[in-house]
């Protein structure tokens, strides 16, 4: 039996992988891509209502990502937060669970869905900016 390639969204939450997938044949068109029809926000809200994840945590706080299919290049695009991409075992588990052909799957934080940055990555990326702003204020009072 031939494995069915999947599209989907995922999170790494408290060390557990959460997947929400659909077959490639059910993908919705988004520009040059086929994408899983459900958004992170909608699925996270459903999980909160079922008591599977805490109500006090927003969907964008844990590391997350998406797998889409580029119809022009005929390749799968694996977009994820750096906190996921740097964990080879987690990436391999997602690729295996979604039956993605390794030779036809590209991983990145960029592209059409390049906004996947968890709370911790956003916080870390803002630290240099805050430091820079504070230094410029010391040098030039009243700036900003």
N, C-alpha and C. Protein backbone atom coordinates (compact mmCIF):
# COMPACT_ATOMS: atom_id res chain seq x y z
N UNK A 1 0.83 -1.18 0.00
CA UNK A 1 0.00 0.00 0.00
C UNK A 1 0.89 1.26 0.00
N UNK A 2 0.59 2.17 -0.88
CA UNK A 2 1.36 3.40 -1.00
C UNK A 2 0.97 4.37 0.11
N UNK A 3 1.96 4.95 0.81
CA UNK A 3 1.63 5.92 1.86
C UNK A 3 0.98 7.17 1.27
N UNK A 4 0.06 7.74 2.03
CA UNK A 4 -0.63 8.96 1.59
C UNK A 4 0.10 10.16 2.16
N UNK A 5 0.62 11.01 1.27
CA UNK A 5 1.28 12.24 1.70
C UNK A 5 0.27 13.16 2.34
N UNK A 6 0.67 13.79 3.45
CA UNK A 6 -0.23 14.64 4.21
C UNK A 6 0.23 16.10 4.21
N UNK A 7 -0.73 16.97 4.40
CA UNK A 7 -0.49 18.38 4.67
C UNK A 7 -0.93 18.59 6.10
N UNK A 8 -0.49 19.67 6.73
CA UNK A 8 -0.99 19.87 8.07
C UNK A 8 -0.29 20.95 8.86
N UNK A 9 -0.77 21.08 10.09
CA UNK A 9 -0.20 22.01 11.05
C UNK A 9 0.25 21.22 12.26
N UNK A 10 1.18 21.80 13.01
CA UNK A 10 1.70 21.08 14.18
C UNK A 10 2.27 22.05 15.20
N UNK A 11 2.39 21.52 16.41
CA UNK A 11 3.01 22.24 17.53
C UNK A 11 3.92 21.27 18.27
N UNK A 12 4.88 21.83 18.97
CA UNK A 12 5.66 21.10 19.96
C UNK A 12 5.31 21.74 21.29
N UNK A 13 4.47 21.05 22.07
CA UNK A 13 3.92 21.62 23.30
C UNK A 13 4.26 20.72 24.47
N UNK A 14 5.03 21.27 25.41
CA UNK A 14 5.46 20.52 26.60
C UNK A 14 6.10 19.19 26.22
N UNK A 15 6.93 19.23 25.18
CA UNK A 15 7.65 18.04 24.74
C UNK A 15 6.83 17.06 23.91
N UNK A 16 5.56 17.36 23.71
CA UNK A 16 4.68 16.48 22.93
C UNK A 16 4.40 17.09 21.56
N UNK A 17 4.35 16.24 20.57
CA UNK A 17 4.04 16.67 19.22
C UNK A 17 2.53 16.62 19.01
N UNK A 18 1.95 17.72 18.56
CA UNK A 18 0.52 17.78 18.24
C UNK A 18 0.42 17.99 16.73
N UNK A 19 -0.25 17.06 16.05
CA UNK A 19 -0.41 17.13 14.59
C UNK A 19 -1.89 17.23 14.24
N UNK A 20 -2.20 18.00 13.21
CA UNK A 20 -3.54 18.04 12.62
C UNK A 20 -3.32 17.99 11.12
N UNK A 21 -3.68 16.88 10.49
CA UNK A 21 -3.31 16.65 9.10
C UNK A 21 -4.51 16.34 8.21
N UNK A 22 -4.27 16.44 6.91
CA UNK A 22 -5.24 16.03 5.90
C UNK A 22 -4.46 15.53 4.70
N UNK A 23 -5.05 14.63 3.91
CA UNK A 23 -4.35 14.13 2.73
C UNK A 23 -4.08 15.25 1.73
N UNK A 24 -3.01 15.11 0.98
CA UNK A 24 -2.65 16.07 -0.06
C UNK A 24 -3.83 16.33 -1.00
N UNK A 25 -4.60 15.30 -1.29
CA UNK A 25 -5.74 15.42 -2.21
C UNK A 25 -6.84 16.34 -1.67
N UNK A 26 -6.82 16.63 -0.36
CA UNK A 26 -7.83 17.52 0.23
C UNK A 26 -7.28 18.92 0.51
N UNK A 27 -6.08 19.20 0.01
CA UNK A 27 -5.47 20.51 0.23
C UNK A 27 -6.26 21.63 -0.41
N UNK A 28 -6.24 22.79 0.23
CA UNK A 28 -6.89 23.98 -0.31
C UNK A 28 -5.84 24.86 -0.98
N UNK A 29 -6.22 25.43 -2.10
CA UNK A 29 -5.28 26.26 -2.87
C UNK A 29 -5.04 27.59 -2.16
N UNK A 30 -3.77 27.97 -2.05
CA UNK A 30 -3.34 29.24 -1.48
C UNK A 30 -2.17 29.71 -2.34
N UNK A 31 -2.46 30.52 -3.37
CA UNK A 31 -1.41 30.92 -4.31
C UNK A 31 -0.88 29.70 -5.04
N UNK A 32 0.44 29.51 -4.99
CA UNK A 32 1.07 28.36 -5.64
C UNK A 32 1.10 27.12 -4.75
N UNK A 33 0.39 27.15 -3.64
CA UNK A 33 0.45 26.08 -2.66
C UNK A 33 -0.89 25.40 -2.46
N UNK A 34 -0.81 24.13 -2.05
CA UNK A 34 -1.94 23.43 -1.46
C UNK A 34 -1.63 23.38 0.03
N UNK A 35 -2.62 23.71 0.83
CA UNK A 35 -2.40 23.80 2.26
C UNK A 35 -3.51 23.08 3.02
N UNK A 36 -3.20 22.68 4.22
CA UNK A 36 -4.19 22.07 5.12
C UNK A 36 -5.29 23.09 5.37
N UNK A 37 -6.55 22.68 5.32
CA UNK A 37 -7.64 23.64 5.40
C UNK A 37 -7.86 24.31 6.76
N UNK A 38 -7.36 23.74 7.84
CA UNK A 38 -7.64 24.34 9.15
C UNK A 38 -6.46 25.19 9.62
N UNK A 39 -6.77 26.32 10.23
CA UNK A 39 -5.73 27.22 10.74
C UNK A 39 -5.26 26.77 12.12
N UNK A 40 -4.11 27.27 12.51
CA UNK A 40 -3.60 27.01 13.86
C UNK A 40 -4.59 27.53 14.90
N UNK A 41 -5.08 28.74 14.70
CA UNK A 41 -6.00 29.34 15.67
C UNK A 41 -7.25 28.49 15.85
N UNK A 42 -7.86 28.07 14.76
CA UNK A 42 -9.10 27.28 14.85
C UNK A 42 -8.86 25.94 15.54
N UNK A 43 -7.79 25.26 15.17
CA UNK A 43 -7.55 23.94 15.78
C UNK A 43 -7.17 24.08 17.26
N UNK A 44 -6.36 25.08 17.59
CA UNK A 44 -5.98 25.29 18.99
C UNK A 44 -7.23 25.58 19.83
N UNK A 45 -8.13 26.41 19.29
CA UNK A 45 -9.37 26.74 19.99
C UNK A 45 -10.20 25.48 20.23
N UNK A 46 -10.30 24.62 19.22
CA UNK A 46 -11.02 23.35 19.38
C UNK A 46 -10.38 22.49 20.46
N UNK A 47 -9.05 22.43 20.48
CA UNK A 47 -8.37 21.64 21.51
C UNK A 47 -8.62 22.23 22.90
N UNK A 48 -8.65 23.54 23.02
CA UNK A 48 -8.96 24.18 24.30
C UNK A 48 -10.36 23.80 24.76
N UNK A 49 -11.32 23.83 23.85
CA UNK A 49 -12.70 23.50 24.20
C UNK A 49 -12.83 22.04 24.66
N UNK A 50 -12.00 21.16 24.10
CA UNK A 50 -12.01 19.74 24.49
C UNK A 50 -11.16 19.49 25.73
N UNK A 51 -10.47 20.53 26.22
CA UNK A 51 -9.62 20.37 27.40
C UNK A 51 -8.28 19.72 27.13
N UNK A 52 -7.85 19.69 25.88
CA UNK A 52 -6.59 19.05 25.51
C UNK A 52 -5.38 19.96 25.71
N UNK A 53 -5.60 21.26 25.66
CA UNK A 53 -4.54 22.25 25.93
C UNK A 53 -5.14 23.32 26.85
N UNK A 54 -4.31 23.98 27.66
CA UNK A 54 -4.82 24.98 28.61
C UNK A 54 -5.46 26.19 27.93
N UNK A 55 -6.49 26.73 28.55
CA UNK A 55 -7.17 27.91 28.03
C UNK A 55 -6.30 29.16 28.08
N UNK A 56 -5.38 29.23 29.02
CA UNK A 56 -4.59 30.44 29.19
C UNK A 56 -3.41 30.60 28.25
N UNK A 57 -3.21 29.67 27.35
CA UNK A 57 -2.06 29.73 26.43
C UNK A 57 -2.57 29.97 25.01
N UNK A 58 -2.07 31.03 24.38
CA UNK A 58 -2.47 31.34 23.01
C UNK A 58 -1.79 30.38 22.04
N UNK A 59 -2.43 30.17 20.90
CA UNK A 59 -1.94 29.19 19.92
C UNK A 59 -0.55 29.51 19.40
N UNK A 60 -0.16 30.78 19.41
CA UNK A 60 1.14 31.12 18.82
C UNK A 60 2.28 31.07 19.83
N UNK A 61 2.00 30.77 21.09
CA UNK A 61 3.06 30.74 22.10
C UNK A 61 3.98 29.52 21.94
N UNK A 62 3.44 28.29 21.83
CA UNK A 62 4.35 27.14 21.65
C UNK A 62 4.94 27.12 20.23
N UNK A 63 6.10 26.51 20.06
CA UNK A 63 6.66 26.36 18.72
C UNK A 63 5.67 25.62 17.82
N UNK A 64 5.54 26.10 16.56
CA UNK A 64 4.56 25.51 15.65
C UNK A 64 5.07 25.55 14.22
N UNK A 65 4.31 24.93 13.35
CA UNK A 65 4.69 24.93 11.95
C UNK A 65 3.59 24.39 11.06
N UNK A 66 3.91 24.27 9.79
CA UNK A 66 2.94 23.84 8.78
C UNK A 66 3.69 23.14 7.65
N UNK A 67 3.01 22.17 7.04
CA UNK A 67 3.52 21.55 5.81
C UNK A 67 2.53 21.87 4.71
N UNK A 68 3.03 22.45 3.63
CA UNK A 68 2.23 22.77 2.45
C UNK A 68 2.90 22.12 1.24
N UNK A 69 2.21 22.13 0.12
CA UNK A 69 2.74 21.56 -1.11
C UNK A 69 2.79 22.62 -2.19
N UNK A 70 3.96 22.83 -2.76
CA UNK A 70 4.14 23.81 -3.83
C UNK A 70 3.78 23.13 -5.15
N UNK A 71 2.69 23.57 -5.77
CA UNK A 71 2.23 22.93 -7.01
C UNK A 71 3.16 23.23 -8.19
N UNK A 72 3.89 24.32 -8.15
CA UNK A 72 4.82 24.65 -9.24
C UNK A 72 6.07 23.79 -9.19
N UNK A 73 6.67 23.69 -7.99
CA UNK A 73 7.92 22.94 -7.85
C UNK A 73 7.68 21.46 -7.57
N UNK A 74 6.44 21.12 -7.21
CA UNK A 74 6.07 19.74 -6.84
C UNK A 74 6.89 19.24 -5.66
N UNK A 75 7.06 20.15 -4.69
CA UNK A 75 7.82 19.82 -3.48
C UNK A 75 7.00 20.20 -2.25
N UNK A 76 7.23 19.47 -1.16
CA UNK A 76 6.61 19.80 0.11
C UNK A 76 7.45 20.85 0.81
N UNK A 77 6.78 21.81 1.41
CA UNK A 77 7.45 22.87 2.15
C UNK A 77 7.12 22.70 3.62
N UNK A 78 8.14 22.49 4.42
CA UNK A 78 8.02 22.25 5.86
C UNK A 78 8.45 23.54 6.56
N UNK A 79 7.48 24.33 6.97
CA UNK A 79 7.76 25.60 7.64
C UNK A 79 7.59 25.42 9.14
N UNK A 80 8.58 25.86 9.90
CA UNK A 80 8.49 25.68 11.35
C UNK A 80 9.35 26.70 12.08
N UNK A 81 9.03 26.84 13.33
CA UNK A 81 9.80 27.66 14.25
C UNK A 81 11.20 27.06 14.41
N UNK A 82 12.17 27.89 14.67
CA UNK A 82 13.55 27.40 14.86
C UNK A 82 13.65 26.40 16.01
N UNK A 83 12.80 26.56 17.03
CA UNK A 83 12.82 25.63 18.16
C UNK A 83 12.48 24.21 17.73
N UNK A 84 11.75 24.07 16.63
CA UNK A 84 11.44 22.75 16.08
C UNK A 84 12.53 22.34 15.10
N UNK A 85 12.90 23.24 14.20
CA UNK A 85 13.87 22.90 13.15
C UNK A 85 15.22 22.46 13.71
N UNK A 86 15.61 22.95 14.87
CA UNK A 86 16.91 22.55 15.42
C UNK A 86 16.87 21.19 16.11
N UNK A 87 15.69 20.58 16.19
CA UNK A 87 15.54 19.25 16.81
C UNK A 87 15.33 18.23 15.69
N UNK A 88 16.43 17.67 15.20
CA UNK A 88 16.37 16.75 14.07
C UNK A 88 15.39 15.60 14.29
N UNK A 89 15.37 15.04 15.50
CA UNK A 89 14.48 13.92 15.79
C UNK A 89 13.02 14.32 15.64
N UNK A 90 12.67 15.52 16.09
CA UNK A 90 11.29 16.01 15.99
C UNK A 90 10.92 16.21 14.52
N UNK A 91 11.81 16.82 13.76
CA UNK A 91 11.57 17.03 12.33
C UNK A 91 11.37 15.68 11.64
N UNK A 92 12.21 14.71 11.95
CA UNK A 92 12.09 13.37 11.35
C UNK A 92 10.77 12.71 11.73
N UNK A 93 10.34 12.88 12.97
CA UNK A 93 9.07 12.31 13.42
C UNK A 93 7.90 12.92 12.66
N UNK A 94 7.92 14.23 12.46
CA UNK A 94 6.84 14.91 11.73
C UNK A 94 6.83 14.44 10.27
N UNK A 95 8.00 14.40 9.65
CA UNK A 95 8.10 13.97 8.26
C UNK A 95 7.58 12.54 8.11
N UNK A 96 7.94 11.67 9.04
CA UNK A 96 7.48 10.28 8.98
C UNK A 96 5.97 10.19 9.22
N UNK A 97 5.46 10.90 10.22
CA UNK A 97 4.03 10.84 10.54
C UNK A 97 3.17 11.37 9.39
N UNK A 98 3.72 12.31 8.62
CA UNK A 98 2.96 12.90 7.52
C UNK A 98 3.28 12.24 6.17
N UNK A 99 4.07 11.16 6.22
CA UNK A 99 4.43 10.39 5.03
C UNK A 99 5.00 11.29 3.93
N UNK A 100 5.91 12.16 4.31
CA UNK A 100 6.52 13.08 3.34
C UNK A 100 7.77 12.44 2.75
N UNK A 101 7.93 12.54 1.43
CA UNK A 101 9.17 12.03 0.82
C UNK A 101 10.33 12.95 1.18
N UNK A 102 11.32 12.44 1.86
CA UNK A 102 12.44 13.25 2.35
C UNK A 102 13.13 14.00 1.21
N UNK A 103 13.28 13.36 0.07
CA UNK A 103 13.98 14.00 -1.05
C UNK A 103 13.15 15.09 -1.72
N UNK A 104 11.87 15.18 -1.39
CA UNK A 104 11.00 16.20 -1.98
C UNK A 104 10.43 17.15 -0.92
N UNK A 105 11.12 17.24 0.21
CA UNK A 105 10.64 18.08 1.31
C UNK A 105 11.73 19.08 1.70
N UNK A 106 11.38 20.35 1.66
CA UNK A 106 12.30 21.42 2.05
C UNK A 106 11.87 21.97 3.41
N UNK A 107 12.84 22.20 4.30
CA UNK A 107 12.53 22.75 5.62
C UNK A 107 13.07 24.18 5.71
N UNK A 108 12.25 25.07 6.32
CA UNK A 108 12.70 26.45 6.49
C UNK A 108 11.80 27.19 7.46
N UNK A 109 12.25 28.39 7.84
CA UNK A 109 11.42 29.28 8.65
C UNK A 109 10.83 30.37 7.78
N UNK A 110 11.17 30.38 6.49
CA UNK A 110 10.73 31.45 5.59
C UNK A 110 9.57 31.05 4.71
N UNK A 111 9.41 31.76 3.63
CA UNK A 111 8.36 31.47 2.69
C UNK A 111 7.03 32.10 3.04
N UNK A 112 6.00 31.61 2.39
CA UNK A 112 4.66 32.18 2.56
C UNK A 112 4.18 32.12 4.01
N UNK A 113 4.67 31.13 4.75
CA UNK A 113 4.27 30.99 6.15
C UNK A 113 5.47 31.20 7.07
N UNK A 114 6.29 32.16 6.77
CA UNK A 114 7.54 32.37 7.50
C UNK A 114 7.38 33.08 8.83
N UNK A 115 6.17 33.19 9.31
CA UNK A 115 5.94 33.90 10.57
C UNK A 115 5.98 32.98 11.78
N UNK A 116 6.39 31.75 11.62
CA UNK A 116 6.39 30.82 12.75
C UNK A 116 7.56 31.07 13.67
N UNK A 117 7.30 31.86 14.70
CA UNK A 117 8.29 32.11 15.74
C UNK A 117 7.54 32.05 17.06
N UNK A 118 7.97 31.17 17.93
CA UNK A 118 7.29 30.99 19.21
C UNK A 118 7.62 32.15 20.16
N UNK A 119 6.98 32.15 21.28
CA UNK A 119 7.16 33.18 22.31
C UNK A 119 8.64 33.35 22.66
N UNK A 120 9.34 32.23 22.84
CA UNK A 120 10.73 32.29 23.28
C UNK A 120 11.64 32.84 22.17
N UNK A 121 11.38 32.46 20.93
CA UNK A 121 12.19 33.00 19.82
C UNK A 121 11.92 34.48 19.62
N UNK A 122 10.66 34.88 19.73
CA UNK A 122 10.34 36.30 19.61
C UNK A 122 11.01 37.10 20.72
N UNK A 123 10.96 36.56 21.92
CA UNK A 123 11.57 37.23 23.07
C UNK A 123 13.08 37.39 22.85
N UNK A 124 13.72 36.33 22.37
CA UNK A 124 15.16 36.37 22.13
C UNK A 124 15.51 37.35 21.01
N UNK A 125 14.66 37.41 19.96
CA UNK A 125 14.96 38.32 18.85
C UNK A 125 14.74 39.77 19.23
N UNK A 126 13.91 40.02 20.23
CA UNK A 126 13.66 41.39 20.67
C UNK A 126 14.74 41.88 21.63
N UNK A 127 15.43 40.98 22.30
CA UNK A 127 16.43 41.38 23.28
C UNK A 127 17.50 42.29 22.68
N UNK A 128 18.10 41.95 21.52
CA UNK A 128 19.10 42.86 20.94
C UNK A 128 18.49 44.21 20.57
N UNK A 129 17.23 44.21 20.10
CA UNK A 129 16.57 45.44 19.74
C UNK A 129 16.38 46.33 20.98
N UNK A 130 15.93 45.74 22.06
CA UNK A 130 15.73 46.50 23.30
C UNK A 130 17.05 47.05 23.79
N UNK A 131 18.11 46.23 23.74
CA UNK A 131 19.44 46.67 24.15
C UNK A 131 19.90 47.84 23.28
N UNK A 132 19.66 47.73 21.97
CA UNK A 132 20.06 48.79 21.05
C UNK A 132 19.28 50.08 21.32
N UNK A 133 17.99 49.97 21.59
CA UNK A 133 17.18 51.15 21.88
C UNK A 133 17.66 51.82 23.16
N UNK A 134 17.92 51.02 24.19
CA UNK A 134 18.39 51.58 25.46
C UNK A 134 19.72 52.30 25.28
N UNK A 135 20.62 51.71 24.50
CA UNK A 135 21.92 52.35 24.26
C UNK A 135 21.76 53.65 23.48
N UNK A 136 20.87 53.65 22.50
CA UNK A 136 20.69 54.88 21.71
C UNK A 136 20.04 55.98 22.56
N UNK A 137 19.20 55.58 23.51
CA UNK A 137 18.57 56.58 24.38
C UNK A 137 19.60 57.21 25.31
N UNK A 138 20.57 56.40 25.74
CA UNK A 138 21.63 56.93 26.61
C UNK A 138 22.49 57.94 25.84
N UNK A 139 22.75 57.58 24.56
CA UNK A 139 23.60 58.44 23.74
C UNK A 139 22.86 59.70 23.29
N UNK A 140 21.56 59.57 23.07
CA UNK A 140 20.77 60.68 22.53
C UNK A 140 19.45 60.78 23.28
N UNK A 141 19.44 61.48 24.41
CA UNK A 141 18.22 61.59 25.19
C UNK A 141 17.09 62.19 24.34
N UNK A 142 15.90 61.60 24.52
CA UNK A 142 14.75 62.08 23.78
C UNK A 142 14.53 61.38 22.46
N UNK A 143 15.52 60.62 21.99
CA UNK A 143 15.31 59.86 20.75
C UNK A 143 14.38 58.71 21.04
N UNK A 144 13.37 58.54 20.29
CA UNK A 144 12.32 57.55 20.48
C UNK A 144 11.45 58.04 21.54
